[in-house]
PDB file of N, CA and C in Angstrom:
ATOM      1  N   MET A   1       0.821  -1.189   0.000  1.00  0.00           N
ATOM      2  CA  MET A   1       0.000   0.000   0.000  1.00  0.00           C
ATOM      3  C   MET A   1       0.866   1.254   0.000  1.00  0.00           C
ATOM      4  N   LEU A   2       1.940   1.286   0.767  1.00  0.00           N
ATOM      5  CA  LEU A   2       2.777   2.476   0.816  1.00  0.00           C
ATOM      6  C   LEU A   2       3.470   2.741  -0.516  1.00  0.00           C
ATOM      7  N   ASN A   3       3.789   1.702  -1.266  1.00  0.00           N
ATOM      8  CA  ASN A   3       4.361   1.926  -2.601  1.00  0.00           C
ATOM      9  C   ASN A   3       3.359   2.632  -3.509  1.00  0.00           C
ATOM     10  N   ASN A   4       2.072   2.349  -3.313  1.00  0.00           N
ATOM     11  CA  ASN A   4       1.045   3.033  -4.101  1.00  0.00           C
ATOM     12  C   ASN A   4       1.035   4.531  -3.823  1.00  0.00           C
ATOM     13  N   TYR A   5       1.428   4.927  -2.630  1.00  0.00           N
ATOM     14  CA  TYR A   5       1.470   6.345  -2.286  1.00  0.00           C
ATOM     15  C   TYR A   5       2.318   7.115  -3.303  1.00  0.00           C
ATOM     16  N   PHE A   6       3.533   6.684  -3.541  1.00  0.00           N
ATOM     17  CA  PHE A   6       4.414   7.397  -4.480  1.00  0.00           C
ATOM     18  C   PHE A   6       3.886   7.307  -5.912  1.00  0.00           C
ATOM     19  N   ARG A   7       3.438   6.128  -6.326  1.00  0.00           N
ATOM     20  CA  ARG A   7       2.917   5.972  -7.690  1.00  0.00           C
ATOM     21  C   ARG A   7       1.721   6.896  -7.936  1.00  0.00           C
ATOM     22  N   LEU A   8       0.796   6.898  -6.991  1.00  0.00           N
ATOM     23  CA  LEU A   8      -0.396   7.730  -7.131  1.00  0.00           C
ATOM     24  C   LEU A   8      -0.070   9.215  -7.011  1.00  0.00           C
ATOM     25  N   PHE A   9       0.879   9.566  -6.158  1.00  0.00           N
ATOM     26  CA  PHE A   9       1.293  10.959  -6.022  1.00  0.00           C
ATOM     27  C   PHE A   9       1.749  11.481  -7.389  1.00  0.00           C
ATOM     28  N   ASP A  10       2.608  10.734  -8.048  1.00  0.00           N
ATOM     29  CA  ASP A  10       3.129  11.165  -9.346  1.00  0.00           C
ATOM     30  C   ASP A  10       2.037  11.252 -10.406  1.00  0.00           C
ATOM     31  N   ALA A  11       1.099  10.321 -10.385  1.00  0.00           N
ATOM     32  CA  ALA A  11       0.029  10.291 -11.396  1.00  0.00           C
ATOM     33  C   ALA A  11      -1.072  11.315 -11.119  1.00  0.00           C
ATOM     34  N   SER A  12      -1.190  11.753  -9.871  1.00  0.00           N
ATOM     35  CA  SER A  12      -2.338  12.583  -9.476  1.00  0.00           C
ATOM     36  C   SER A  12      -2.375  13.955 -10.144  1.00  0.00           C
ATOM     37  N   ARG A  13      -1.278  14.395 -10.682  1.00  0.00           N
ATOM     38  CA  ARG A  13      -1.239  15.703 -11.336  1.00  0.00           C
ATOM     39  C   ARG A  13      -2.200  15.762 -12.507  1.00  0.00           C
ATOM     40  N   THR A  14      -2.289  14.680 -13.279  1.00  0.00           N
ATOM     41  CA  THR A  14      -3.090  14.682 -14.507  1.00  0.00           C
ATOM     42  C   THR A  14      -4.244  13.689 -14.482  1.00  0.00           C
ATOM     43  N   ASP A  15      -4.344  12.893 -13.446  1.00  0.00           N
ATOM     44  CA  ASP A  15      -5.349  11.829 -13.399  1.00  0.00           C
ATOM     45  C   ASP A  15      -6.214  11.995 -12.146  1.00  0.00           C
ATOM     46  N   GLU A  16      -7.443  12.433 -12.328  1.00  0.00           N
ATOM     47  CA  GLU A  16      -8.340  12.677 -11.189  1.00  0.00           C
ATOM     48  C   GLU A  16      -8.596  11.395 -10.395  1.00  0.00           C
ATOM     49  N   ARG A  17      -8.692  10.266 -11.079  1.00  0.00           N
ATOM     50  CA  ARG A  17      -8.889   8.992 -10.374  1.00  0.00           C
ATOM     51  C   ARG A  17      -7.696   8.676  -9.481  1.00  0.00           C
ATOM     52  N   ALA A  18      -6.478   8.933  -9.993  1.00  0.00           N
ATOM     53  CA  ALA A  18      -5.274   8.722  -9.184  1.00  0.00           C
ATOM     54  C   ALA A  18      -5.298   9.633  -7.961  1.00  0.00           C
ATOM     55  N   MET A  19      -5.763  10.874  -8.122  1.00  0.00           N
ATOM     56  CA  MET A  19      -5.850  11.792  -6.988  1.00  0.00           C
ATOM     57  C   MET A  19      -6.830  11.250  -5.951  1.00  0.00           C
ATOM     58  N   GLN A  20      -7.980  10.781  -6.380  1.00  0.00           N
ATOM     59  CA  GLN A  20      -8.956  10.226  -5.441  1.00  0.00           C
ATOM     60  C   GLN A  20      -8.400   8.987  -4.740  1.00  0.00           C
ATOM     61  N   ASP A  21      -7.721   8.118  -5.501  1.00  0.00           N
ATOM     62  CA  ASP A  21      -7.123   6.925  -4.908  1.00  0.00           C
ATOM     63  C   ASP A  21      -6.020   7.305  -3.916  1.00  0.00           C
ATOM     64  N   LEU A  22      -5.228   8.332  -4.260  1.00  0.00           N
ATOM     65  CA  LEU A  22      -4.184   8.812  -3.358  1.00  0.00           C
ATOM     66  C   LEU A  22      -4.801   9.310  -2.056  1.00  0.00           C
ATOM     67  N   LEU A  23      -5.805  10.155  -2.154  1.00  0.00           N
ATOM     68  CA  LEU A  23      -6.430  10.703  -0.956  1.00  0.00           C
ATOM     69  C   LEU A  23      -7.078   9.618  -0.099  1.00  0.00           C
ATOM     70  N   SER A  24      -7.551   8.543  -0.738  1.00  0.00           N
ATOM     71  CA  SER A  24      -8.187   7.452   0.021  1.00  0.00           C
ATOM     72  C   SER A  24      -7.179   6.653   0.849  1.00  0.00           C
ATOM     73  N   LEU A  25      -5.889   6.808   0.580  1.00  0.00           N
ATOM     74  CA  LEU A  25      -4.873   6.131   1.379  1.00  0.00           C
ATOM     75  C   LEU A  25      -4.743   6.753   2.768  1.00  0.00           C
ATOM     76  N   PHE A  26      -5.248   7.974   2.938  1.00  0.00           N
ATOM     77  CA  PHE A  26      -5.099   8.743   4.170  1.00  0.00           C
ATOM     78  C   PHE A  26      -6.427   8.856   4.914  1.00  0.00           C
ATOM     79  N   THR A  27      -6.354   8.928   6.243  1.00  0.00           N
ATOM     80  CA  THR A  27      -7.528   9.327   7.009  1.00  0.00           C
ATOM     81  C   THR A  27      -7.716  10.823   6.786  1.00  0.00           C
ATOM     82  N   LEU A  28      -8.940  11.306   6.951  1.00  0.00           N
ATOM     83  CA  LEU A  28      -9.208  12.730   6.735  1.00  0.00           C
ATOM     84  C   LEU A  28      -8.415  13.615   7.684  1.00  0.00           C
ATOM     85  N   ASP A  29      -8.145  13.104   8.893  1.00  0.00           N
ATOM     86  CA  ASP A  29      -7.419  13.895   9.883  1.00  0.00           C
ATOM     87  C   ASP A  29      -5.954  13.475  10.025  1.00  0.00           C
ATOM     88  N   ALA A  30      -5.398  12.883   8.959  1.00  0.00           N
ATOM     89  CA  ALA A  30      -4.001  12.446   9.004  1.00  0.00           C
ATOM     90  C   ALA A  30      -3.099  13.625   9.343  1.00  0.00           C
ATOM     91  N   GLU A  31      -2.093  13.361  10.159  1.00  0.00           N
ATOM     92  CA  GLU A  31      -1.105  14.386  10.483  1.00  0.00           C
ATOM     93  C   GLU A  31       0.000  14.327   9.429  1.00  0.00           C
ATOM     94  N   ILE A  32       0.246  15.469   8.796  1.00  0.00           N
ATOM     95  CA  ILE A  32       1.283  15.582   7.774  1.00  0.00           C
ATOM     96  C   ILE A  32       2.356  16.513   8.327  1.00  0.00           C
ATOM     97  N   VAL A  33       3.605  16.029   8.396  1.00  0.00           N
ATOM     98  CA  VAL A  33       4.703  16.812   8.953  1.00  0.00           C
ATOM     99  C   VAL A  33       5.727  17.040   7.846  1.00  0.00           C
ATOM    100  N   LEU A  34       5.965  18.307   7.548  1.00  0.00           N
ATOM    101  CA  LEU A  34       6.919  18.708   6.514  1.00  0.00           C
ATOM    102  C   LEU A  34       8.039  19.495   7.174  1.00  0.00           C
ATOM    103  N   ASN A  35       9.226  18.878   7.245  1.00  0.00           N
ATOM    104  CA  ASN A  35      10.382  19.515   7.890  1.00  0.00           C
ATOM    105  C   ASN A  35      10.036  20.109   9.247  1.00  0.00           C
ATOM    106  N   GLY A  36       9.302  19.353  10.053  1.00  0.00           N
ATOM    107  CA  GLY A  36       9.006  19.753  11.422  1.00  0.00           C
ATOM    108  C   GLY A  36       7.730  20.539  11.611  1.00  0.00           C
ATOM    109  N   THR A  37       7.069  20.978  10.544  1.00  0.00           N
ATOM    110  CA  THR A  37       5.822  21.723  10.653  1.00  0.00           C
ATOM    111  C   THR A  37       4.655  20.783  10.399  1.00  0.00           C
ATOM    112  N   SER A  38       3.725  20.713  11.345  1.00  0.00           N
ATOM    113  CA  SER A  38       2.606  19.778  11.280  1.00  0.00           C
ATOM    114  C   SER A  38       1.352  20.464  10.752  1.00  0.00           C
ATOM    115  N   ARG A  39       0.583  19.717   9.964  1.00  0.00           N
ATOM    116  CA  ARG A  39      -0.733  20.167   9.510  1.00  0.00           C
ATOM    117  C   ARG A  39      -1.645  18.954   9.492  1.00  0.00           C
ATOM    118  N   THR A  40      -2.943  19.202   9.446  1.00  0.00           N
ATOM    119  CA  THR A  40      -3.921  18.124   9.439  1.00  0.00           C
ATOM    120  C   THR A  40      -4.516  17.991   8.045  1.00  0.00           C
ATOM    121  N   GLY A  41      -4.556  16.769   7.546  1.00  0.00           N
ATOM    122  CA  GLY A  41      -5.172  16.477   6.262  1.00  0.00           C
ATOM    123  C   GLY A  41      -4.198  16.546   5.092  1.00  0.00           C
ATOM    124  N   PHE A  42      -4.299  15.570   4.212  1.00  0.00           N
ATOM    125  CA  PHE A  42      -3.392  15.479   3.068  1.00  0.00           C
ATOM    126  C   PHE A  42      -3.926  16.225   1.850  1.00  0.00           C
ATOM    127  N   ALA A  43      -5.235  16.351   1.712  1.00  0.00           N
ATOM    128  CA  ALA A  43      -5.813  16.993   0.522  1.00  0.00           C
ATOM    129  C   ALA A  43      -5.335  18.432   0.384  1.00  0.00           C
ATOM    130  N   GLY A  44      -5.271  19.163   1.479  1.00  0.00           N
ATOM    131  CA  GLY A  44      -4.804  20.551   1.424  1.00  0.00           C
ATOM    132  C   GLY A  44      -3.368  20.653   0.968  1.00  0.00           C
ATOM    133  N   PHE A  45      -2.539  19.716   1.444  1.00  0.00           N
ATOM    134  CA  PHE A  45      -1.147  19.709   0.999  1.00  0.00           C
ATOM    135  C   PHE A  45      -1.060  19.496  -0.503  1.00  0.00           C
ATOM    136  N   MET A  46      -1.823  18.542  -1.023  1.00  0.00           N
ATOM    137  CA  MET A  46      -1.759  18.249  -2.464  1.00  0.00           C
ATOM    138  C   MET A  46      -2.185  19.455  -3.293  1.00  0.00           C
ATOM    139  N   LYS A  47      -3.228  20.133  -2.858  1.00  0.00           N
ATOM    140  CA  LYS A  47      -3.681  21.327  -3.574  1.00  0.00           C
ATOM    141  C   LYS A  47      -2.560  22.358  -3.637  1.00  0.00           C
ATOM    142  N   THR A  48      -1.929  22.613  -2.502  1.00  0.00           N
ATOM    143  CA  THR A  48      -0.833  23.579  -2.454  1.00  0.00           C
ATOM    144  C   THR A  48       0.361  23.099  -3.266  1.00  0.00           C
ATOM    145  N   PHE A  49       0.673  21.799  -3.176  1.00  0.00           N
ATOM    146  CA  PHE A  49       1.822  21.258  -3.904  1.00  0.00           C
ATOM    147  C   PHE A  49       1.702  21.540  -5.392  1.00  0.00           C
ATOM    148  N   TYR A  50       0.528  21.295  -5.970  1.00  0.00           N
ATOM    149  CA  TYR A  50       0.380  21.479  -7.411  1.00  0.00           C
ATOM    150  C   TYR A  50       0.157  22.939  -7.809  1.00  0.00           C
ATOM    151  N   GLU A  51       0.008  23.839  -6.848  1.00  0.00           N
ATOM    152  CA  GLU A  51       0.065  25.265  -7.160  1.00  0.00           C
ATOM    153  C   GLU A  51       1.506  25.673  -7.450  1.00  0.00           C
ATOM    154  N   TYR A  52       2.470  25.011  -6.804  1.00  0.00           N
ATOM    155  CA  TYR A  52       3.884  25.351  -6.928  1.00  0.00           C
ATOM    156  C   TYR A  52       4.654  24.443  -7.875  1.00  0.00           C
ATOM    157  N   ASN A  53       4.061  23.320  -8.288  1.00  0.00           N
ATOM    158  CA  ASN A  53       4.780  22.332  -9.104  1.00  0.00           C
ATOM    159  C   ASN A  53       3.923  21.884 -10.272  1.00  0.00           C
ATOM    160  N   SER A  54       4.556  21.739 -11.442  1.00  0.00           N
ATOM    161  CA  SER A  54       3.811  21.290 -12.615  1.00  0.00           C
ATOM    162  C   SER A  54       4.049  19.828 -12.943  1.00  0.00           C
ATOM    163  N   ASP A  55       5.123  19.224 -12.417  1.00  0.00           N
ATOM    164  CA  ASP A  55       5.374  17.803 -12.657  1.00  0.00           C
ATOM    165  C   ASP A  55       6.338  17.281 -11.606  1.00  0.00           C
ATOM    166  N   VAL A  56       6.283  15.977 -11.361  1.00  0.00           N
ATOM    167  CA  VAL A  56       7.115  15.361 -10.335  1.00  0.00           C
ATOM    168  C   VAL A  56       7.251  13.868 -10.615  1.00  0.00           C
ATOM    169  N   LYS A  57       8.413  13.305 -10.260  1.00  0.00           N
ATOM    170  CA  LYS A  57       8.654  11.865 -10.393  1.00  0.00           C
ATOM    171  C   LYS A  57       9.487  11.391  -9.207  1.00  0.00           C
ATOM    172  N   HIS A  58       8.946  10.428  -8.461  1.00  0.00           N
ATOM    173  CA  HIS A  58       9.625   9.867  -7.291  1.00  0.00           C
ATOM    174  C   HIS A  58      10.297   8.533  -7.599  1.00  0.00           C
ATOM    175  N   MET A  59      11.374   8.271  -6.917  1.00  0.00           N
ATOM    176  CA  MET A  59      12.012   6.955  -6.812  1.00  0.00           C
ATOM    177  C   MET A  59      12.178   6.708  -5.319  1.00  0.00           C
ATOM    178  N   TRP A  60      12.086   5.447  -4.875  1.00  0.00           N
ATOM    179  CA  TRP A  60      12.161   5.167  -3.445  1.00  0.00           C
ATOM    180  C   TRP A  60      12.684   3.772  -3.189  1.00  0.00           C
ATOM    181  N   ASP A  61      13.262   3.618  -1.984  1.00  0.00           N
ATOM    182  CA  ASP A  61      13.693   2.307  -1.497  1.00  0.00           C
ATOM    183  C   ASP A  61      12.473   1.581  -0.939  1.00  0.00           C
ATOM    184  N   GLN A  62      12.662   0.327  -0.622  1.00  0.00           N
ATOM    185  CA  GLN A  62      11.599  -0.447   0.021  1.00  0.00           C
ATOM    186  C   GLN A  62      11.259   0.189   1.370  1.00  0.00           C
ATOM    187  N   TRP A  63       9.973   0.243   1.699  1.00  0.00           N
ATOM    188  CA  TRP A  63       9.541   0.714   3.021  1.00  0.00           C
ATOM    189  C   TRP A  63       9.951  -0.330   4.054  1.00  0.00           C
ATOM    190  N   GLU A  64      10.586   0.095   5.118  1.00  0.00           N
ATOM    191  CA  GLU A  64      11.034  -0.806   6.182  1.00  0.00           C
ATOM    192  C   GLU A  64      10.274  -0.501   7.473  1.00  0.00           C
ATOM    193  N   ILE A  65       9.780  -1.565   8.108  1.00  0.00           N
ATOM    194  CA  ILE A  65       9.101  -1.374   9.392  1.00  0.00           C
ATOM    195  C   ILE A  65      10.150  -1.039  10.452  1.00  0.00           C
ATOM    196  N   GLN A  66       9.809  -0.100  11.321  1.00  0.00           N
ATOM    197  CA  GLN A  66      10.701   0.369  12.375  1.00  0.00           C
ATOM    198  C   GLN A  66      10.288  -0.242  13.710  1.00  0.00           C
ATOM    199  N   PRO A  67      11.172  -0.208  14.705  1.00  0.00           N
ATOM    200  CA  PRO A  67      10.832  -0.788  16.012  1.00  0.00           C
ATOM    201  C   PRO A  67       9.562  -0.211  16.637  1.00  0.00           C
ATOM    202  N   ASP A  68       9.232   1.049  16.325  1.00  0.00           N
ATOM    203  CA  ASP A  68       8.024   1.659  16.901  1.00  0.00           C
ATOM    204  C   ASP A  68       6.759   1.353  16.098  1.00  0.00           C
ATOM    205  N   GLY A  69       6.871   0.518  15.064  1.00  0.00           N
ATOM    206  CA  GLY A  69       5.718   0.141  14.252  1.00  0.00           C
ATOM    207  C   GLY A  69       5.486   1.040  13.041  1.00  0.00           C
ATOM    208  N   SER A  70       6.233   2.124  12.935  1.00  0.00           N
ATOM    209  CA  SER A  70       6.116   2.995  11.761  1.00  0.00           C
ATOM    210  C   SER A  70       6.906   2.378  10.603  1.00  0.00           C
ATOM    211  N   TYR A  71       6.752   2.968   9.427  1.00  0.00           N
ATOM    212  CA  TYR A  71       7.479   2.542   8.236  1.00  0.00           C
ATOM    213  C   TYR A  71       8.326   3.707   7.755  1.00  0.00           C
ATOM    214  N   GLN A  72       9.486   3.389   7.166  1.00  0.00           N
ATOM    215  CA  GLN A  72      10.383   4.435   6.695  1.00  0.00           C
ATOM    216  C   GLN A  72      10.989   4.042   5.357  1.00  0.00           C
ATOM    217  N   THR A  73      11.202   5.034   4.506  1.00  0.00           N
ATOM    218  CA  THR A  73      11.872   4.813   3.235  1.00  0.00           C
ATOM    219  C   THR A  73      12.711   6.029   2.864  1.00  0.00           C
ATOM    220  N   ASN A  74      13.773   5.789   2.133  1.00  0.00           N
ATOM    221  CA  ASN A  74      14.545   6.855   1.492  1.00  0.00           C
ATOM    222  C   ASN A  74      13.913   7.120   0.138  1.00  0.00           C
ATOM    223  N   TRP A  75      13.905   8.360  -0.291  1.00  0.00           N
ATOM    224  CA  TRP A  75      13.338   8.701  -1.595  1.00  0.00           C
ATOM    225  C   TRP A  75      14.173   9.773  -2.269  1.00  0.00           C
ATOM    226  N   ALA A  76      13.980   9.867  -3.557  1.00  0.00           N
ATOM    227  CA  ALA A  76      14.536  10.952  -4.377  1.00  0.00           C
ATOM    228  C   ALA A  76      13.417  11.397  -5.308  1.00  0.00           C
ATOM    229  N   VAL A  77      13.408  12.681  -5.624  1.00  0.00           N
ATOM    230  CA  VAL A  77      12.379  13.217  -6.510  1.00  0.00           C
ATOM    231  C   VAL A  77      13.021  14.223  -7.453  1.00  0.00           C
ATOM    232  N   CYS A  78      12.549  14.220  -8.677  1.00  0.00           N
ATOM    233  CA  CYS A  78      12.886  15.303  -9.593  1.00  0.00           C
ATOM    234  C   CYS A  78      11.559  15.909 -10.021  1.00  0.00           C
ATOM    235  N   GLY A  79      11.584  17.174 -10.287  1.00  0.00           N
ATOM    236  CA  GLY A  79      10.342  17.829 -10.645  1.00  0.00           C
ATOM    237  C   GLY A  79      10.569  19.111 -11.400  1.00  0.00           C
ATOM    238  N   GLN A  80       9.450  19.688 -11.810  1.00  0.00           N
ATOM    239  CA  GLN A  80       9.468  20.983 -12.457  1.00  0.00           C
ATOM    240  C   GLN A  80       8.503  21.884 -11.696  1.00  0.00           C
ATOM    241  N   ALA A  81       9.024  23.004 -11.227  1.00  0.00           N
ATOM    242  CA  ALA A  81       8.209  23.970 -10.506  1.00  0.00           C
ATOM    243  C   ALA A  81       7.276  24.677 -11.481  1.00  0.00           C
ATOM    244  N   ALA A  82       6.252  25.318 -10.944  1.00  0.00           N
ATOM    245  CA  ALA A  82       5.275  26.025 -11.779  1.00  0.00           C
ATOM    246  C   ALA A  82       5.925  27.120 -12.614  1.00  0.00           C
ATOM    247  N   ASP A  83       7.042  27.668 -12.140  1.00  0.00           N
ATOM    248  CA  ASP A  83       7.727  28.715 -12.903  1.00  0.00           C
ATOM    249  C   ASP A  83       8.642  28.164 -13.994  1.00  0.00           C
ATOM    250  N   GLY A  84       8.673  26.813 -14.152  1.00  0.00           N
ATOM    251  CA  GLY A  84       9.454  26.181 -15.203  1.00  0.00           C
ATOM    252  C   GLY A  84      10.824  25.696 -14.785  1.00  0.00           C
ATOM    253  N   THR A  85      11.301  26.086 -13.596  1.00  0.00           N
ATOM    254  CA  THR A  85      12.606  25.608 -13.142  1.00  0.00           C
ATOM    255  C   THR A  85      12.506  24.135 -12.737  1.00  0.00           C
ATOM    256  N   VAL A  86      13.616  23.428 -12.863  1.00  0.00           N
ATOM    257  CA  VAL A  86      13.653  22.016 -12.479  1.00  0.00           C
ATOM    258  C   VAL A  86      14.443  21.861 -11.177  1.00  0.00           C
ATOM    259  N   TYR A  87      14.181  20.767 -10.474  1.00  0.00           N
ATOM    260  CA  TYR A  87      14.851  20.519  -9.209  1.00  0.00           C
ATOM    261  C   TYR A  87      14.980  19.025  -8.972  1.00  0.00           C
ATOM    262  N   ALA A  88      15.868  18.686  -8.038  1.00  0.00           N
ATOM    263  CA  ALA A  88      16.008  17.316  -7.537  1.00  0.00           C
ATOM    264  C   ALA A  88      16.197  17.418  -6.028  1.00  0.00           C
ATOM    265  N   LYS A  89      15.549  16.534  -5.289  1.00  0.00           N
ATOM    266  CA  LYS A  89      15.614  16.535  -3.829  1.00  0.00           C
ATOM    267  C   LYS A  89      15.706  15.095  -3.335  1.00  0.00           C
ATOM    268  N   THR A  90      16.194  14.935  -2.117  1.00  0.00           N
ATOM    269  CA  THR A  90      16.251  13.628  -1.474  1.00  0.00           C
ATOM    270  C   THR A  90      15.780  13.770  -0.034  1.00  0.00           C
ATOM    271  N   GLY A  91      15.416  12.649   0.563  1.00  0.00           N
ATOM    272  CA  GLY A  91      15.012  12.660   1.963  1.00  0.00           C
ATOM    273  C   GLY A  91      14.473  11.320   2.392  1.00  0.00           C
ATOM    274  N   ILE A  92      13.747  11.328   3.500  1.00  0.00           N
ATOM    275  CA  ILE A  92      13.091  10.125   4.002  1.00  0.00           C
ATOM    276  C   ILE A  92      11.630  10.449   4.281  1.00  0.00           C
ATOM    277  N   ASP A  93      10.783   9.443   4.211  1.00  0.00           N
ATOM    278  CA  ASP A  93       9.391   9.523   4.646  1.00  0.00           C
ATOM    279  C   ASP A  93       9.201   8.533   5.770  1.00  0.00           C
ATOM    280  N   ILE A  94       8.426   8.950   6.761  1.00  0.00           N
ATOM    281  CA  ILE A  94       8.055   8.104   7.891  1.00  0.00           C
ATOM    282  C   ILE A  94       6.531   8.060   7.906  1.00  0.00           C
ATOM    283  N   ALA A  95       5.964   6.860   7.919  1.00  0.00           N
ATOM    284  CA  ALA A  95       4.505   6.717   7.887  1.00  0.00           C
ATOM    285  C   ALA A  95       4.037   5.813   9.018  1.00  0.00           C
ATOM    286  N   ARG A  96       2.855   6.155   9.540  1.00  0.00           N
ATOM    287  CA  ARG A  96       2.158   5.287  10.498  1.00  0.00           C
ATOM    288  C   ARG A  96       0.781   4.994   9.927  1.00  0.00           C
ATOM    289  N   LEU A  97       0.345   3.759  10.093  1.00  0.00           N
ATOM    290  CA  LEU A  97      -0.936   3.312   9.556  1.00  0.00           C
ATOM    291  C   LEU A  97      -1.890   2.967  10.691  1.00  0.00           C
ATOM    292  N   ASN A  98      -3.196   3.098  10.412  1.00  0.00           N
ATOM    293  CA  ASN A  98      -4.187   2.627  11.384  1.00  0.00           C
ATOM    294  C   ASN A  98      -4.487   1.153  11.122  1.00  0.00           C
ATOM    295  N   GLU A  99      -5.422   0.591  11.885  1.00  0.00           N
ATOM    296  CA  GLU A  99      -5.746  -0.833  11.761  1.00  0.00           C
ATOM    297  C   GLU A  99      -6.325  -1.167  10.389  1.00  0.00           C
ATOM    298  N   ALA A 100      -6.937  -0.187   9.738  1.00  0.00           N
ATOM    299  CA  ALA A 100      -7.526  -0.404   8.410  1.00  0.00           C
ATOM    300  C   ALA A 100      -6.498  -0.235   7.294  1.00  0.00           C
ATOM    301  N   GLY A 101      -5.254   0.107   7.658  1.00  0.00           N
ATOM    302  CA  GLY A 101      -4.203   0.259   6.657  1.00  0.00           C
ATOM    303  C   GLY A 101      -4.131   1.641   6.031  1.00  0.00           C
ATOM    304  N   GLN A 102      -4.864   2.610   6.582  1.00  0.00           N
ATOM    305  CA  GLN A 102      -4.781   3.976   6.068  1.00  0.00           C
ATOM    306  C   GLN A 102      -3.662   4.731   6.787  1.00  0.00           C
ATOM    307  N   ILE A 103      -3.095   5.699   6.084  1.00  0.00           N
ATOM    308  CA  ILE A 103      -2.031   6.517   6.650  1.00  0.00           C
ATOM    309  C   ILE A 103      -2.646   7.533   7.606  1.00  0.00           C
ATOM    310  N   VAL A 104      -2.184   7.506   8.851  1.00  0.00           N
ATOM    311  CA  VAL A 104      -2.646   8.465   9.858  1.00  0.00           C
ATOM    312  C   VAL A 104      -1.568   9.504  10.159  1.00  0.00           C
ATOM    313  N   TYR A 105      -0.339   9.215   9.744  1.00  0.00           N
ATOM    314  CA  TYR A 105       0.794  10.101  10.000  1.00  0.00           C
ATOM    315  C   TYR A 105       1.786   9.926   8.862  1.00  0.00           C
ATOM    316  N   LEU A 106       2.205  11.035   8.274  1.00  0.00           N
ATOM    317  CA  LEU A 106       3.242  11.001   7.247  1.00  0.00           C
ATOM    318  C   LEU A 106       4.191  12.157   7.496  1.00  0.00           C
ATOM    319  N   GLU A 107       5.453  11.819   7.722  1.00  0.00           N
ATOM    320  CA  GLU A 107       6.472  12.836   7.933  1.00  0.00           C
ATOM    321  C   GLU A 107       7.465  12.784   6.787  1.00  0.00           C
ATOM    322  N   ASN A 108       7.687  13.944   6.193  1.00  0.00           N
ATOM    323  CA  ASN A 108       8.624  14.100   5.091  1.00  0.00           C
ATOM    324  C   ASN A 108       9.806  14.888   5.630  1.00  0.00           C
ATOM    325  N   VAL A 109      10.992  14.246   5.628  1.00  0.00           N
ATOM    326  CA  VAL A 109      12.206  14.880   6.122  1.00  0.00           C
ATOM    327  C   VAL A 109      13.158  15.001   4.942  1.00  0.00           C
ATOM    328  N   GLN A 110      13.333  16.211   4.464  1.00  0.00           N
ATOM    329  CA  GLN A 110      14.183  16.432   3.302  1.00  0.00           C
ATOM    330  C   GLN A 110      15.605  16.737   3.733  1.00  0.00           C
ATOM    331  N   ALA A 111      16.548  16.356   2.879  1.00  0.00           N
ATOM    332  CA  ALA A 111      17.945  16.665   3.144  1.00  0.00           C
ATOM    333  C   ALA A 111      18.138  18.188   3.226  1.00  0.00           C
ATOM    334  N   ASP A 112      17.392  18.951   2.417  1.00  0.00           N
ATOM    335  CA  ASP A 112      17.393  20.412   2.452  1.00  0.00           C
ATOM    336  C   ASP A 112      16.325  20.851   3.443  1.00  0.00           C
ATOM    337  N   LYS A 113      16.722  21.319   4.602  1.00  0.00           N
ATOM    338  CA  LYS A 113      15.784  21.645   5.680  1.00  0.00           C
ATOM    339  C   LYS A 113      14.831  22.788   5.327  1.00  0.00           C
ATOM    340  N   ASN A 114      15.114  23.574   4.288  1.00  0.00           N
ATOM    341  CA  ASN A 114      14.238  24.666   3.892  1.00  0.00           C
ATOM    342  C   ASN A 114      13.374  24.320   2.683  1.00  0.00           C
ATOM    343  N   ALA A 115      13.388  23.077   2.273  1.00  0.00           N
ATOM    344  CA  ALA A 115      12.728  22.684   1.027  1.00  0.00           C
ATOM    345  C   ALA A 115      11.246  22.990   0.987  1.00  0.00           C
ATOM    346  N   PHE A 116      10.551  22.864   2.110  1.00  0.00           N
ATOM    347  CA  PHE A 116       9.094  23.058   2.105  1.00  0.00           C
ATOM    348  C   PHE A 116       8.694  24.377   2.742  1.00  0.00           C
ATOM    349  N   SER A 117       9.586  25.308   2.855  1.00  0.00           N
ATOM    350  CA  SER A 117       9.275  26.553   3.559  1.00  0.00           C
ATOM    351  C   SER A 117       8.066  27.276   2.957  1.00  0.00           C
ATOM    352  N   LYS A 118       7.880  27.228   1.656  1.00  0.00           N
ATOM    353  CA  LYS A 118       6.753  27.937   1.046  1.00  0.00           C
ATOM    354  C   LYS A 118       5.413  27.262   1.347  1.00  0.00           C
ATOM    355  N   TYR A 119       5.409  25.979   1.702  1.00  0.00           N
ATOM    356  CA  TYR A 119       4.159  25.286   2.028  1.00  0.00           C
ATOM    357  C   TYR A 119       3.747  25.522   3.472  1.00  0.00           C
ATOM    358  N   ASN A 120       4.653  26.041   4.282  1.00  0.00           N
ATOM    359  CA  ASN A 120       4.400  26.239   5.705  1.00  0.00           C
ATOM    360  C   ASN A 120       3.869  27.629   6.015  1.00  0.00           C
ATOM    361  N   GLN A 121       3.698  28.457   5.011  1.00  0.00           N
ATOM    362  CA  GLN A 121       3.247  29.836   5.234  1.00  0.00           C
ATOM    363  C   GLN A 121       1.761  29.904   5.417  1.00  0.00           C
TER     364      GLN A 121
END
């Protein structure tokens, strides 16, 4: 299921069904943490993300279960910002799931600590 997160994230830009499937992976009140800043709900993040980005492609390692029951993976992404500039970033994602297998917590820790500063405003 967590591998579907990245696949659906990348497809959601142009595919409404992929966006709906992506959002269904999360509880409505999922905690999303971006470089230490917490917000509730994933749909708002996605809306903001695609205001600033026109395309994105993720690569990731296998998700590994951690001693605390969470899952973690290393990832890399390349993308094109809405202004046409291109970028590449790396980091880790930490996810926690509920009993139904939905994501209740997703933390994105980027190697560049200021990477998500515009989403935190």
